[in-house]
Amino acid sequence: MFYLMAGYILFINVSLLTVLVPGGPIENRDFSHLKGLIFWGFNLFLISLGLLSFITSYFLMLKYSWALWVAIILGLAYLFVYALDLAKIFPKSPTDMSKVLMLMEIINSLAAVLLIIICSVGIMG
């Protein structure tokens, strides 16, 4: 049961992340001031996070126990990304975060916490 719940929550988390792509319907801040290496490094991190999430979600559905550990790490990564953004640490933008974006990031953070809890309980018992 924990595997399926974790798989679905991880899939939801990565799906919610894809909606937040810059220039998309929700993320409308300007990041043109970021240097190339920082900009592309951050994008590479987010792309890797997304791909690993889809792959791990698949293995959670197949009930591989190691996938619970990977999902915890991914959940922490999501939480880290959203916490940095909500705290206005990184990425900084001259454009303020919209209320919709802030709400989405709070929801995504809660989904990451839920993922971490479910995977932790699944590992323990």
PDB file of N, CA and C in Angstrom:
ATOM      1  N   MET A   1       0.815  -1.195   0.000  1.00  0.00           N
ATOM      2  CA  MET A   1       0.000   0.000   0.000  1.00  0.00           C
ATOM      3  C   MET A   1       0.865   1.268   0.000  1.00  0.00           C
ATOM      4  N   PHE A   2       1.958   1.249   0.791  1.00  0.00           N
ATOM      5  CA  PHE A   2       2.833   2.418   0.860  1.00  0.00           C
ATOM      6  C   PHE A   2       3.494   2.701  -0.487  1.00  0.00           C
ATOM      7  N   TYR A   3       3.822   1.639  -1.199  1.00  0.00           N
ATOM      8  CA  TYR A   3       4.471   1.808  -2.497  1.00  0.00           C
ATOM      9  C   TYR A   3       3.562   2.539  -3.484  1.00  0.00           C
ATOM     10  N   LEU A   4       2.312   2.101  -3.546  1.00  0.00           N
ATOM     11  CA  LEU A   4       1.381   2.731  -4.488  1.00  0.00           C
ATOM     12  C   LEU A   4       1.098   4.180  -4.109  1.00  0.00           C
ATOM     13  N   MET A   5       0.872   4.417  -2.809  1.00  0.00           N
ATOM     14  CA  MET A   5       0.625   5.793  -2.365  1.00  0.00           C
ATOM     15  C   MET A   5       1.825   6.682  -2.670  1.00  0.00           C
ATOM     16  N   ALA A   6       3.026   6.178  -2.368  1.00  0.00           N
ATOM     17  CA  ALA A   6       4.241   6.954  -2.628  1.00  0.00           C
ATOM     18  C   ALA A   6       4.414   7.193  -4.129  1.00  0.00           C
ATOM     19  N   GLY A   7       4.144   6.181  -4.925  1.00  0.00           N
ATOM     20  CA  GLY A   7       4.252   6.328  -6.380  1.00  0.00           C
ATOM     21  C   GLY A   7       3.312   7.386  -6.919  1.00  0.00           C
ATOM     22  N   TYR A   8       2.081   7.367  -6.442  1.00  0.00           N
ATOM     23  CA  TYR A   8       1.102   8.369  -6.896  1.00  0.00           C
ATOM     24  C   TYR A   8       1.491   9.775  -6.433  1.00  0.00           C
ATOM     25  N   ILE A   9       1.911   9.896  -5.191  1.00  0.00           N
ATOM     26  CA  ILE A   9       2.267  11.221  -4.669  1.00  0.00           C
ATOM     27  C   ILE A   9       3.503  11.766  -5.382  1.00  0.00           C
ATOM     28  N   LEU A  10       4.471  10.899  -5.644  1.00  0.00           N
ATOM     29  CA  LEU A  10       5.655  11.336  -6.386  1.00  0.00           C
ATOM     30  C   LEU A  10       5.274  11.758  -7.801  1.00  0.00           C
ATOM     31  N   PHE A  11       4.391  11.007  -8.429  1.00  0.00           N
ATOM     32  CA  PHE A  11       3.926  11.362  -9.770  1.00  0.00           C
ATOM     33  C   PHE A  11       3.189  12.705  -9.750  1.00  0.00           C
ATOM     34  N   ILE A  12       2.374  12.920  -8.740  1.00  0.00           N
ATOM     35  CA  ILE A  12       1.660  14.201  -8.598  1.00  0.00           C
ATOM     36  C   ILE A  12       2.670  15.325  -8.399  1.00  0.00           C
ATOM     37  N   ASN A  13       3.679  15.086  -7.559  1.00  0.00           N
ATOM     38  CA  ASN A  13       4.673  16.117  -7.290  1.00  0.00           C
ATOM     39  C   ASN A  13       5.426  16.525  -8.547  1.00  0.00           C
ATOM     40  N   VAL A  14       5.850  15.549  -9.336  1.00  0.00           N
ATOM     41  CA  VAL A  14       6.582  15.883 -10.558  1.00  0.00           C
ATOM     42  C   VAL A  14       5.645  16.529 -11.581  1.00  0.00           C
ATOM     43  N   SER A  15       4.397  16.119 -11.599  1.00  0.00           N
ATOM     44  CA  SER A  15       3.434  16.749 -12.515  1.00  0.00           C
ATOM     45  C   SER A  15       3.193  18.201 -12.141  1.00  0.00           C
ATOM     46  N   LEU A  16       3.100  18.470 -10.839  1.00  0.00           N
ATOM     47  CA  LEU A  16       2.921  19.851 -10.385  1.00  0.00           C
ATOM     48  C   LEU A  16       4.154  20.695 -10.694  1.00  0.00           C
ATOM     49  N   LEU A  17       5.328  20.073 -10.640  1.00  0.00           N
ATOM     50  CA  LEU A  17       6.556  20.802 -10.969  1.00  0.00           C
ATOM     51  C   LEU A  17       6.575  21.208 -12.437  1.00  0.00           C
ATOM     52  N   THR A  18       6.099  20.344 -13.317  1.00  0.00           N
ATOM     53  CA  THR A  18       6.137  20.644 -14.750  1.00  0.00           C
ATOM     54  C   THR A  18       5.247  21.832 -15.111  1.00  0.00           C
ATOM     55  N   VAL A  19       4.228  22.071 -14.321  1.00  0.00           N
ATOM     56  CA  VAL A  19       3.332  23.211 -14.574  1.00  0.00           C
ATOM     57  C   VAL A  19       4.047  24.528 -14.265  1.00  0.00           C
ATOM     58  N   LEU A  20       5.094  24.446 -13.453  1.00  0.00           N
ATOM     59  CA  LEU A  20       5.777  25.660 -13.006  1.00  0.00           C
ATOM     60  C   LEU A  20       6.950  26.064 -13.900  1.00  0.00           C
ATOM     61  N   VAL A  21       6.993  25.553 -15.117  1.00  0.00           N
ATOM     62  CA  VAL A  21       8.074  25.893 -16.035  1.00  0.00           C
ATOM     63  C   VAL A  21       8.047  27.404 -16.316  1.00  0.00           C
ATOM     64  N   PRO A  22       9.235  28.056 -16.279  1.00  0.00           N
ATOM     65  CA  PRO A  22       9.267  29.500 -16.553  1.00  0.00           C
ATOM     66  C   PRO A  22       8.659  29.838 -17.914  1.00  0.00           C
ATOM     67  N   GLY A  23       7.877  30.889 -17.919  1.00  0.00           N
ATOM     68  CA  GLY A  23       7.184  31.301 -19.135  1.00  0.00           C
ATOM     69  C   GLY A  23       5.869  30.578 -19.337  1.00  0.00           C
ATOM     70  N   GLY A  24       5.564  29.678 -18.423  1.00  0.00           N
ATOM     71  CA  GLY A  24       4.326  28.907 -18.521  1.00  0.00           C
ATOM     72  C   GLY A  24       3.147  29.657 -17.927  1.00  0.00           C
ATOM     73  N   PRO A  25       2.069  28.948 -17.677  1.00  0.00           N
ATOM     74  CA  PRO A  25       0.849  29.602 -17.205  1.00  0.00           C
ATOM     75  C   PRO A  25       0.930  30.152 -15.779  1.00  0.00           C
ATOM     76  N   ILE A  26       1.853  29.630 -14.964  1.00  0.00           N
ATOM     77  CA  ILE A  26       1.912  30.054 -13.564  1.00  0.00           C
ATOM     78  C   ILE A  26       3.199  30.804 -13.251  1.00  0.00           C
ATOM     79  N   GLU A  27       4.327  30.288 -13.723  1.00  0.00           N
ATOM     80  CA  GLU A  27       5.631  30.909 -13.455  1.00  0.00           C
ATOM     81  C   GLU A  27       5.901  31.985 -14.497  1.00  0.00           C
ATOM     82  N   ASN A  28       5.736  33.246 -14.076  1.00  0.00           N
ATOM     83  CA  ASN A  28       5.898  34.352 -15.012  1.00  0.00           C
ATOM     84  C   ASN A  28       6.999  35.323 -14.590  1.00  0.00           C
ATOM     85  N   ARG A  29       7.862  34.888 -13.689  1.00  0.00           N
ATOM     86  CA  ARG A  29       8.957  35.759 -13.264  1.00  0.00           C
ATOM     87  C   ARG A  29      10.054  35.796 -14.318  1.00  0.00           C
ATOM     88  N   ASP A  30      10.852  36.836 -14.260  1.00  0.00           N
ATOM     89  CA  ASP A  30      11.945  37.041 -15.215  1.00  0.00           C
ATOM     90  C   ASP A  30      13.252  36.543 -14.611  1.00  0.00           C
ATOM     91  N   PHE A  31      13.897  35.591 -15.277  1.00  0.00           N
ATOM     92  CA  PHE A  31      15.175  35.063 -14.819  1.00  0.00           C
ATOM     93  C   PHE A  31      16.286  35.338 -15.823  1.00  0.00           C
ATOM     94  N   SER A  32      16.081  36.300 -16.701  1.00  0.00           N
ATOM     95  CA  SER A  32      17.063  36.595 -17.745  1.00  0.00           C
ATOM     96  C   SER A  32      18.372  37.134 -17.168  1.00  0.00           C
ATOM     97  N   HIS A  33      18.352  37.604 -15.942  1.00  0.00           N
ATOM     98  CA  HIS A  33      19.561  38.148 -15.322  1.00  0.00           C
ATOM     99  C   HIS A  33      20.500  37.060 -14.795  1.00  0.00           C
ATOM    100  N   LEU A  34      20.030  35.830 -14.688  1.00  0.00           N
ATOM    101  CA  LEU A  34      20.879  34.743 -14.194  1.00  0.00           C
ATOM    102  C   LEU A  34      21.952  34.416 -15.221  1.00  0.00           C
ATOM    103  N   LYS A  35      23.161  34.196 -14.739  1.00  0.00           N
ATOM    104  CA  LYS A  35      24.279  33.844 -15.610  1.00  0.00           C
ATOM    105  C   LYS A  35      24.034  32.473 -16.225  1.00  0.00           C
ATOM    106  N   GLY A  36      24.629  32.238 -17.387  1.00  0.00           N
ATOM    107  CA  GLY A  36      24.418  31.000 -18.134  1.00  0.00           C
ATOM    108  C   GLY A  36      24.651  29.740 -17.329  1.00  0.00           C
ATOM    109  N   LEU A  37      25.786  29.654 -16.620  1.00  0.00           N
ATOM    110  CA  LEU A  37      26.106  28.453 -15.870  1.00  0.00           C
ATOM    111  C   LEU A  37      25.108  28.226 -14.734  1.00  0.00           C
ATOM    112  N   ILE A  38      24.736  29.265 -14.042  1.00  0.00           N
ATOM    113  CA  ILE A  38      23.770  29.146 -12.945  1.00  0.00           C
ATOM    114  C   ILE A  38      22.393  28.784 -13.501  1.00  0.00           C
ATOM    115  N   PHE A  39      21.977  29.468 -14.550  1.00  0.00           N
ATOM    116  CA  PHE A  39      20.676  29.213 -15.163  1.00  0.00           C
ATOM    117  C   PHE A  39      20.572  27.779 -15.655  1.00  0.00           C
ATOM    118  N   TRP A  40      21.572  27.349 -16.439  1.00  0.00           N
ATOM    119  CA  TRP A  40      21.515  26.000 -17.015  1.00  0.00           C
ATOM    120  C   TRP A  40      21.772  24.921 -15.974  1.00  0.00           C
ATOM    121  N   GLY A  41      22.594  25.234 -14.977  1.00  0.00           N
ATOM    122  CA  GLY A  41      22.811  24.277 -13.889  1.00  0.00           C
ATOM    123  C   GLY A  41      21.533  24.020 -13.109  1.00  0.00           C
ATOM    124  N   PHE A  42      20.803  25.083 -12.820  1.00  0.00           N
ATOM    125  CA  PHE A  42      19.536  24.947 -12.098  1.00  0.00           C
ATOM    126  C   PHE A  42      18.520  24.199 -12.955  1.00  0.00           C
ATOM    127  N   ASN A  43      18.461  24.534 -14.236  1.00  0.00           N
ATOM    128  CA  ASN A  43      17.535  23.828 -15.123  1.00  0.00           C
ATOM    129  C   ASN A  43      17.901  22.353 -15.257  1.00  0.00           C
ATOM    130  N   LEU A  44      19.185  22.052 -15.328  1.00  0.00           N
ATOM    131  CA  LEU A  44      19.622  20.656 -15.398  1.00  0.00           C
ATOM    132  C   LEU A  44      19.221  19.905 -14.125  1.00  0.00           C
ATOM    133  N   PHE A  45      19.367  20.558 -12.982  1.00  0.00           N
ATOM    134  CA  PHE A  45      18.945  19.959 -11.713  1.00  0.00           C
ATOM    135  C   PHE A  45      17.445  19.662 -11.732  1.00  0.00           C
ATOM    136  N   LEU A  46      16.638  20.632 -12.172  1.00  0.00           N
ATOM    137  CA  LEU A  46      15.180  20.440 -12.196  1.00  0.00           C
ATOM    138  C   LEU A  46      14.763  19.362 -13.201  1.00  0.00           C
ATOM    139  N   ILE A  47      15.422  19.332 -14.353  1.00  0.00           N
ATOM    140  CA  ILE A  47      15.121  18.303 -15.355  1.00  0.00           C
ATOM    141  C   ILE A  47      15.480  16.921 -14.805  1.00  0.00           C
ATOM    142  N   SER A  48      16.639  16.823 -14.165  1.00  0.00           N
ATOM    143  CA  SER A  48      17.062  15.549 -13.565  1.00  0.00           C
ATOM    144  C   SER A  48      16.104  15.126 -12.462  1.00  0.00           C
ATOM    145  N   LEU A  49      15.683  16.086 -11.656  1.00  0.00           N
ATOM    146  CA  LEU A  49      14.717  15.802 -10.593  1.00  0.00           C
ATOM    147  C   LEU A  49      13.423  15.252 -11.187  1.00  0.00           C
ATOM    148  N   GLY A  50      12.965  15.862 -12.259  1.00  0.00           N
ATOM    149  CA  GLY A  50      11.740  15.403 -12.908  1.00  0.00           C
ATOM    150  C   GLY A  50      11.877  14.010 -13.495  1.00  0.00           C
ATOM    151  N   LEU A  51      12.967  13.775 -14.234  1.00  0.00           N
ATOM    152  CA  LEU A  51      13.171  12.460 -14.848  1.00  0.00           C
ATOM    153  C   LEU A  51      13.329  11.367 -13.797  1.00  0.00           C
ATOM    154  N   LEU A  52      14.140  11.635 -12.776  1.00  0.00           N
ATOM    155  CA  LEU A  52      14.306  10.654 -11.704  1.00  0.00           C
ATOM    156  C   LEU A  52      12.991  10.387 -10.975  1.00  0.00           C
ATOM    157  N   SER A  53      12.161  11.400 -10.861  1.00  0.00           N
ATOM    158  CA  SER A  53      10.863  11.230 -10.205  1.00  0.00           C
ATOM    159  C   SER A  53       9.946  10.313 -11.011  1.00  0.00           C
ATOM    160  N   PHE A  54       9.914  10.511 -12.323  1.00  0.00           N
ATOM    161  CA  PHE A  54       9.088   9.633 -13.165  1.00  0.00           C
ATOM    162  C   PHE A  54       9.586   8.191 -13.089  1.00  0.00           C
ATOM    163  N   ILE A  55      10.892   8.020 -13.160  1.00  0.00           N
ATOM    164  CA  ILE A  55      11.476   6.669 -13.111  1.00  0.00           C
ATOM    165  C   ILE A  55      11.216   6.019 -11.754  1.00  0.00           C
ATOM    166  N   THR A  56      11.441   6.766 -10.683  1.00  0.00           N
ATOM    167  CA  THR A  56      11.228   6.229  -9.337  1.00  0.00           C
ATOM    168  C   THR A  56       9.760   5.922  -9.097  1.00  0.00           C
ATOM    169  N   SER A  57       8.890   6.764  -9.599  1.00  0.00           N
ATOM    170  CA  SER A  57       7.456   6.509  -9.474  1.00  0.00           C
ATOM    171  C   SER A  57       7.092   5.167 -10.096  1.00  0.00           C
ATOM    172  N   TYR A  58       7.667   4.875 -11.245  1.00  0.00           N
ATOM    173  CA  TYR A  58       7.437   3.595 -11.924  1.00  0.00           C
ATOM    174  C   TYR A  58       7.896   2.425 -11.044  1.00  0.00           C
ATOM    175  N   PHE A  59       9.104   2.541 -10.479  1.00  0.00           N
ATOM    176  CA  PHE A  59       9.620   1.459  -9.651  1.00  0.00           C
ATOM    177  C   PHE A  59       8.875   1.333  -8.323  1.00  0.00           C
ATOM    178  N   LEU A  60       8.319   2.421  -7.837  1.00  0.00           N
ATOM    179  CA  LEU A  60       7.461   2.334  -6.649  1.00  0.00           C
ATOM    180  C   LEU A  60       6.209   1.520  -6.963  1.00  0.00           C
ATOM    181  N   MET A  61       5.653   1.727  -8.144  1.00  0.00           N
ATOM    182  CA  MET A  61       4.465   0.962  -8.549  1.00  0.00           C
ATOM    183  C   MET A  61       4.785  -0.534  -8.659  1.00  0.00           C
ATOM    184  N   LEU A  62       6.033  -0.849  -8.974  1.00  0.00           N
ATOM    185  CA  LEU A  62       6.464  -2.252  -9.041  1.00  0.00           C
ATOM    186  C   LEU A  62       6.905  -2.786  -7.676  1.00  0.00           C
ATOM    187  N   LYS A  63       6.848  -1.929  -6.662  1.00  0.00           N
ATOM    188  CA  LYS A  63       7.130  -2.272  -5.262  1.00  0.00           C
ATOM    189  C   LYS A  63       8.586  -2.650  -4.991  1.00  0.00           C
ATOM    190  N   TYR A  64       9.499  -1.926  -5.602  1.00  0.00           N
ATOM    191  CA  TYR A  64      10.916  -2.105  -5.292  1.00  0.00           C
ATOM    192  C   TYR A  64      11.225  -1.325  -4.011  1.00  0.00           C
ATOM    193  N   SER A  65      11.778  -2.006  -3.016  1.00  0.00           N
ATOM    194  CA  SER A  65      11.992  -1.370  -1.713  1.00  0.00           C
ATOM    195  C   SER A  65      12.997  -0.213  -1.781  1.00  0.00           C
ATOM    196  N   TRP A  66      14.017  -0.317  -2.639  1.00  0.00           N
ATOM    197  CA  TRP A  66      14.996   0.760  -2.747  1.00  0.00           C
ATOM    198  C   TRP A  66      14.367   2.051  -3.256  1.00  0.00           C
ATOM    199  N   ALA A  67      13.265   1.931  -3.968  1.00  0.00           N
ATOM    200  CA  ALA A  67      12.611   3.116  -4.521  1.00  0.00           C
ATOM    201  C   ALA A  67      12.043   4.005  -3.419  1.00  0.00           C
ATOM    202  N   LEU A  68      11.703   3.413  -2.264  1.00  0.00           N
ATOM    203  CA  LEU A  68      11.233   4.226  -1.132  1.00  0.00           C
ATOM    204  C   LEU A  68      12.341   5.170  -0.664  1.00  0.00           C
ATOM    205  N   TRP A  69      13.569   4.651  -0.602  1.00  0.00           N
ATOM    206  CA  TRP A  69      14.707   5.487  -0.197  1.00  0.00           C
ATOM    207  C   TRP A  69      14.970   6.596  -1.218  1.00  0.00           C
ATOM    208  N   VAL A  70      14.910   6.252  -2.480  1.00  0.00           N
ATOM    209  CA  VAL A  70      15.128   7.250  -3.530  1.00  0.00           C
ATOM    210  C   VAL A  70      14.026   8.307  -3.478  1.00  0.00           C
ATOM    211  N   ALA A  71      12.796   7.880  -3.232  1.00  0.00           N
ATOM    212  CA  ALA A  71      11.673   8.820  -3.151  1.00  0.00           C
ATOM    213  C   ALA A  71      11.839   9.788  -1.978  1.00  0.00           C
ATOM    214  N   ILE A  72      12.397   9.313  -0.879  1.00  0.00           N
ATOM    215  CA  ILE A  72      12.663  10.214   0.250  1.00  0.00           C
ATOM    216  C   ILE A  72      13.674  11.282  -0.163  1.00  0.00           C
ATOM    217  N   ILE A  73      14.725  10.872  -0.834  1.00  0.00           N
ATOM    218  CA  ILE A  73      15.737  11.829  -1.300  1.00  0.00           C
ATOM    219  C   ILE A  73      15.119  12.828  -2.275  1.00  0.00           C
ATOM    220  N   LEU A  74      14.288  12.326  -3.188  1.00  0.00           N
ATOM    221  CA  LEU A  74      13.619  13.222  -4.142  1.00  0.00           C
ATOM    222  C   LEU A  74      12.657  14.163  -3.422  1.00  0.00           C
ATOM    223  N   GLY A  75      11.935  13.651  -2.440  1.00  0.00           N
ATOM    224  CA  GLY A  75      11.032  14.497  -1.649  1.00  0.00           C
ATOM    225  C   GLY A  75      11.800  15.610  -0.954  1.00  0.00           C
ATOM    226  N   LEU A  76      12.958  15.270  -0.391  1.00  0.00           N
ATOM    227  CA  LEU A  76      13.797  16.292   0.243  1.00  0.00           C
ATOM    228  C   LEU A  76      14.290  17.315  -0.778  1.00  0.00           C
ATOM    229  N   ALA A  77      14.615  16.855  -1.975  1.00  0.00           N
ATOM    230  CA  ALA A  77      15.059  17.769  -3.036  1.00  0.00           C
ATOM    231  C   ALA A  77      13.936  18.731  -3.423  1.00  0.00           C
ATOM    232  N   TYR A  78      12.712  18.190  -3.578  1.00  0.00           N
ATOM    233  CA  TYR A  78      11.571  19.069  -3.873  1.00  0.00           C
ATOM    234  C   TYR A  78      11.386  20.089  -2.765  1.00  0.00           C
ATOM    235  N   LEU A  79      11.418  19.624  -1.535  1.00  0.00           N
ATOM    236  CA  LEU A  79      11.230  20.513  -0.392  1.00  0.00           C
ATOM    237  C   LEU A  79      12.311  21.593  -0.366  1.00  0.00           C
ATOM    238  N   PHE A  80      13.531  21.212  -0.657  1.00  0.00           N
ATOM    239  CA  PHE A  80      14.658  22.146  -0.688  1.00  0.00           C
ATOM    240  C   PHE A  80      14.444  23.225  -1.758  1.00  0.00           C
ATOM    241  N   VAL A  81      14.049  22.800  -2.959  1.00  0.00           N
ATOM    242  CA  VAL A  81      13.827  23.742  -4.066  1.00  0.00           C
ATOM    243  C   VAL A  81      12.720  24.739  -3.721  1.00  0.00           C
ATOM    244  N   TYR A  82      11.601  24.215  -3.220  1.00  0.00           N
ATOM    245  CA  TYR A  82      10.478  25.100  -2.903  1.00  0.00           C
ATOM    246  C   TYR A  82      10.784  26.005  -1.714  1.00  0.00           C
ATOM    247  N   ALA A  83      11.482  25.487  -0.709  1.00  0.00           N
ATOM    248  CA  ALA A  83      11.833  26.304   0.457  1.00  0.00           C
ATOM    249  C   ALA A  83      12.751  27.453   0.056  1.00  0.00           C
ATOM    250  N   LEU A  84      13.753  27.166  -0.789  1.00  0.00           N
ATOM    251  CA  LEU A  84      14.646  28.238  -1.251  1.00  0.00           C
ATOM    252  C   LEU A  84      13.882  29.313  -2.018  1.00  0.00           C
ATOM    253  N   ASP A  85      12.933  28.878  -2.843  1.00  0.00           N
ATOM    254  CA  ASP A  85      12.175  29.835  -3.649  1.00  0.00           C
ATOM    255  C   ASP A  85      11.200  30.632  -2.778  1.00  0.00           C
ATOM    256  N   LEU A  86      10.484  29.954  -1.901  1.00  0.00           N
ATOM    257  CA  LEU A  86       9.529  30.651  -1.036  1.00  0.00           C
ATOM    258  C   LEU A  86      10.226  31.615  -0.075  1.00  0.00           C
ATOM    259  N   ALA A  87      11.451  31.273   0.329  1.00  0.00           N
ATOM    260  CA  ALA A  87      12.216  32.151   1.216  1.00  0.00           C
ATOM    261  C   ALA A  87      12.945  33.259   0.443  1.00  0.00           C
ATOM    262  N   LYS A  88      12.759  33.279  -0.867  1.00  0.00           N
ATOM    263  CA  LYS A  88      13.369  34.279  -1.749  1.00  0.00           C
ATOM    264  C   LYS A  88      14.897  34.249  -1.705  1.00  0.00           C
ATOM    265  N   ILE A  89      15.438  33.042  -1.565  1.00  0.00           N
ATOM    266  CA  ILE A  89      16.889  32.869  -1.547  1.00  0.00           C
ATOM    267  C   ILE A  89      17.403  32.582  -2.950  1.00  0.00           C
ATOM    268  N   PHE A  90      16.777  31.605  -3.625  1.00  0.00           N
ATOM    269  CA  PHE A  90      17.169  31.250  -4.999  1.00  0.00           C
ATOM    270  C   PHE A  90      15.999  30.558  -5.676  1.00  0.00           C
ATOM    271  N   PRO A  91      15.715  30.854  -6.908  1.00  0.00           N
ATOM    272  CA  PRO A  91      16.318  31.886  -7.745  1.00  0.00           C
ATOM    273  C   PRO A  91      15.666  33.243  -7.473  1.00  0.00           C
ATOM    274  N   LYS A  92      16.481  34.269  -7.454  1.00  0.00           N
ATOM    275  CA  LYS A  92      15.957  35.618  -7.241  1.00  0.00           C
ATOM    276  C   LYS A  92      15.517  36.194  -8.580  1.00  0.00           C
ATOM    277  N   SER A  93      14.479  37.006  -8.504  1.00  0.00           N
ATOM    278  CA  SER A  93      13.951  37.625  -9.714  1.00  0.00           C
ATOM    279  C   SER A  93      13.498  39.040  -9.393  1.00  0.00           C
ATOM    280  N   PRO A  94      13.669  39.957 -10.349  1.00  0.00           N
ATOM    281  CA  PRO A  94      13.151  41.315 -10.130  1.00  0.00           C
ATOM    282  C   PRO A  94      11.624  41.340 -10.125  1.00  0.00           C
ATOM    283  N   THR A  95      11.008  40.301 -10.668  1.00  0.00           N
ATOM    284  CA  THR A  95       9.550  40.181 -10.690  1.00  0.00           C
ATOM    285  C   THR A  95       9.108  39.408  -9.454  1.00  0.00           C
ATOM    286  N   ASP A  96       8.106  39.931  -8.751  1.00  0.00           N
ATOM    287  CA  ASP A  96       7.600  39.244  -7.562  1.00  0.00           C
ATOM    288  C   ASP A  96       6.887  37.944  -7.914  1.00  0.00           C
ATOM    289  N   MET A  97       6.901  37.030  -6.960  1.00  0.00           N
ATOM    290  CA  MET A  97       6.192  35.766  -7.104  1.00  0.00           C
ATOM    291  C   MET A  97       4.693  36.043  -7.014  1.00  0.00           C
ATOM    292  N   SER A  98       3.935  35.488  -7.960  1.00  0.00           N
ATOM    293  CA  SER A  98       2.486  35.680  -7.926  1.00  0.00           C
ATOM    294  C   SER A  98       1.882  34.867  -6.787  1.00  0.00           C
ATOM    295  N   LYS A  99       0.690  35.227  -6.382  1.00  0.00           N
ATOM    296  CA  LYS A  99       0.004  34.491  -5.306  1.00  0.00           C
ATOM    297  C   LYS A  99      -0.322  33.064  -5.736  1.00  0.00           C
ATOM    298  N   VAL A 100      -0.640  32.882  -7.004  1.00  0.00           N
ATOM    299  CA  VAL A 100      -0.931  31.541  -7.519  1.00  0.00           C
ATOM    300  C   VAL A 100       0.321  30.680  -7.453  1.00  0.00           C
ATOM    301  N   LEU A 101       1.461  31.244  -7.851  1.00  0.00           N
ATOM    302  CA  LEU A 101       2.714  30.509  -7.799  1.00  0.00           C
ATOM    303  C   LEU A 101       3.063  30.160  -6.355  1.00  0.00           C
ATOM    304  N   MET A 102       2.902  31.113  -5.458  1.00  0.00           N
ATOM    305  CA  MET A 102       3.188  30.861  -4.054  1.00  0.00           C
ATOM    306  C   MET A 102       2.301  29.737  -3.518  1.00  0.00           C
ATOM    307  N   LEU A 103       1.029  29.770  -3.847  1.00  0.00           N
ATOM    308  CA  LEU A 103       0.108  28.722  -3.410  1.00  0.00           C
ATOM    309  C   LEU A 103       0.517  27.371  -3.976  1.00  0.00           C
ATOM    310  N   MET A 104       0.883  27.328  -5.251  1.00  0.00           N
ATOM    311  CA  MET A 104       1.322  26.078  -5.876  1.00  0.00           C
ATOM    312  C   MET A 104       2.575  25.535  -5.195  1.00  0.00           C
ATOM    313  N   GLU A 105       3.506  26.402  -4.865  1.00  0.00           N
ATOM    314  CA  GLU A 105       4.732  25.945  -4.224  1.00  0.00           C
ATOM    315  C   GLU A 105       4.471  25.457  -2.803  1.00  0.00           C
ATOM    316  N   ILE A 106       3.528  26.063  -2.116  1.00  0.00           N
ATOM    317  CA  ILE A 106       3.158  25.585  -0.780  1.00  0.00           C
ATOM    318  C   ILE A 106       2.496  24.210  -0.890  1.00  0.00           C
ATOM    319  N   ILE A 107       1.604  24.045  -1.845  1.00  0.00           N
ATOM    320  CA  ILE A 107       0.952  22.740  -2.072  1.00  0.00           C
ATOM    321  C   ILE A 107       1.990  21.692  -2.447  1.00  0.00           C
ATOM    322  N   ASN A 108       2.920  22.046  -3.323  1.00  0.00           N
ATOM    323  CA  ASN A 108       3.974  21.120  -3.733  1.00  0.00           C
ATOM    324  C   ASN A 108       4.863  20.748  -2.547  1.00  0.00           C
ATOM    325  N   SER A 109       5.150  21.724  -1.686  1.00  0.00           N
ATOM    326  CA  SER A 109       5.954  21.446  -0.486  1.00  0.00           C
ATOM    327  C   SER A 109       5.233  20.465   0.434  1.00  0.00           C
ATOM    328  N   LEU A 110       3.941  20.658   0.603  1.00  0.00           N
ATOM    329  CA  LEU A 110       3.158  19.743   1.436  1.00  0.00           C
ATOM    330  C   LEU A 110       3.126  18.343   0.833  1.00  0.00           C
ATOM    331  N   ALA A 111       3.045  18.267  -0.496  1.00  0.00           N
ATOM    332  CA  ALA A 111       3.076  16.961  -1.170  1.00  0.00           C
ATOM    333  C   ALA A 111       4.434  16.295  -0.962  1.00  0.00           C
ATOM    334  N   ALA A 112       5.499  17.074  -0.955  1.00  0.00           N
ATOM    335  CA  ALA A 112       6.842  16.528  -0.716  1.00  0.00           C
ATOM    336  C   ALA A 112       6.953  16.000   0.717  1.00  0.00           C
ATOM    337  N   VAL A 113       6.424  16.738   1.673  1.00  0.00           N
ATOM    338  CA  VAL A 113       6.436  16.293   3.076  1.00  0.00           C
ATOM    339  C   VAL A 113       5.625  15.005   3.216  1.00  0.00           C
ATOM    340  N   LEU A 114       4.467  14.964   2.593  1.00  0.00           N
ATOM    341  CA  LEU A 114       3.633  13.761   2.635  1.00  0.00           C
ATOM    342  C   LEU A 114       4.377  12.570   2.026  1.00  0.00           C
ATOM    343  N   LEU A 115       5.065  12.791   0.925  1.00  0.00           N
ATOM    344  CA  LEU A 115       5.853  11.739   0.289  1.00  0.00           C
ATOM    345  C   LEU A 115       6.919  11.207   1.238  1.00  0.00           C
ATOM    346  N   ILE A 116       7.631  12.103   1.892  1.00  0.00           N
ATOM    347  CA  ILE A 116       8.692  11.717   2.824  1.00  0.00           C
ATOM    348  C   ILE A 116       8.118  10.898   3.978  1.00  0.00           C
ATOM    349  N   ILE A 117       6.992  11.336   4.518  1.00  0.00           N
ATOM    350  CA  ILE A 117       6.360  10.623   5.629  1.00  0.00           C
ATOM    351  C   ILE A 117       5.898   9.235   5.208  1.00  0.00           C
ATOM    352  N   ILE A 118       5.211   9.142   4.088  1.00  0.00           N
ATOM    353  CA  ILE A 118       4.695   7.843   3.633  1.00  0.00           C
ATOM    354  C   ILE A 118       5.837   6.873   3.341  1.00  0.00           C
ATOM    355  N   CYS A 119       6.882   7.351   2.701  1.00  0.00           N
ATOM    356  CA  CYS A 119       8.018   6.478   2.403  1.00  0.00           C
ATOM    357  C   CYS A 119       8.727   6.050   3.685  1.00  0.00           C
ATOM    358  N   SER A 120       8.862   6.958   4.632  1.00  0.00           N
ATOM    359  CA  SER A 120       9.507   6.632   5.910  1.00  0.00           C
ATOM    360  C   SER A 120       8.714   5.570   6.660  1.00  0.00           C
ATOM    361  N   VAL A 121       7.395   5.725   6.710  1.00  0.00           N
ATOM    362  CA  VAL A 121       6.538   4.733   7.369  1.00  0.00           C
ATOM    363  C   VAL A 121       6.617   3.397   6.624  1.00  0.00           C
ATOM    364  N   GLY A 122       6.655   3.458   5.306  1.00  0.00           N
ATOM    365  CA  GLY A 122       6.772   2.240   4.507  1.00  0.00           C
ATOM    366  C   GLY A 122       8.074   1.503   4.775  1.00  0.00           C
ATOM    367  N   ILE A 123       9.155   2.227   4.985  1.00  0.00           N
ATOM    368  CA  ILE A 123      10.447   1.602   5.260  1.00  0.00           C
ATOM    369  C   ILE A 123      10.451   0.978   6.657  1.00  0.00           C
ATOM    370  N   MET A 124       9.844   1.676   7.614  1.00  0.00           N
ATOM    371  CA  MET A 124       9.842   1.198   8.995  1.00  0.00           C
ATOM    372  C   MET A 124       8.917  -0.002   9.222  1.00  0.00           C
ATOM    373  N   GLY A 125       7.908  -0.112   8.417  1.00  0.00           N
ATOM    374  CA  GLY A 125       6.969  -1.163   8.767  1.00  0.00           C
ATOM    375  C   GLY A 125       6.377  -1.846   7.638  1.00  0.00           C
TER     376      GLY A 125
END
